[in-house]
Amino acid sequence: MNIVFVTTVLAAVFAGQLAGTTEQDALVEQDALVNFQNQKEASAWSAVNDGVMGGRSVGKIKSATDGAMQFFGTLSLENNGGFASIRSGRLQVEMDPQEAFRVRVKGDGRTYIFNLYPKTRRMAFSYRASLPTVAGEWTEVTVALADFTPTSFGRRVQNKGPLSPDQISGIGFMLSDKKAGPFELEIQWVRIEPASVEDSP
């Protein structure tokens, strides 16, 4: 089971930080793997939806007004569909196996999927972890690299070891919770940091 630590960040505090650049903002900008406060970051991302398999889900991306990338659309279960996703371009990820990804998101209360794509990819294969959200609130979710699960077509792949950091070629976000209807997720940044038990609630 994925171990996910969530730290809720009050929207009011975030709004106050937007008024100026804080030391924490500068640190995030310097250390971020992906930082959508730089709107050019979003141009390297693309949407991949269940239309590739005959489904009718719609997932799109655009730059949001609050310095984030917005992943939004409508999930459909028709024609055996049921997923919408976005993916980065090729990334150079430098991290140690014991480190973690930290993601700053604002969602709609649905649980999304955080995907890692290896360099040697099979069809519909990724390492994934759950990405819970709180409706209308900015949260920061930390997932240790060791907690990503190898999956193919949504099912766990047996006898597959953990993903080595030097084999990561890209990241992405997906919704496939089998609940038809509109969705919206904003991602501000993704950074790498040491995994720590202190983040546990």
Foldseek 3Di string as FASTA:
>chain_A
DFDKFKDFDAPVVVVVCVVDPDPVNVVCVVFFQAAQLPVVQCVQKDKDFQVVVPDDWDWDWDRDPSQWIKIKTWADCPPNGFKIKMKGAWGQFDDAQQKKKKWKKAWAQDKKKKWWAFQDDDAQWTFIDIHGHDHPTIMIMIGHQQRTFIDHPRHGDPPDHGDGRRGTTIMMMMGGPVDTTIIMMITRTMGMGGDDPVSHD
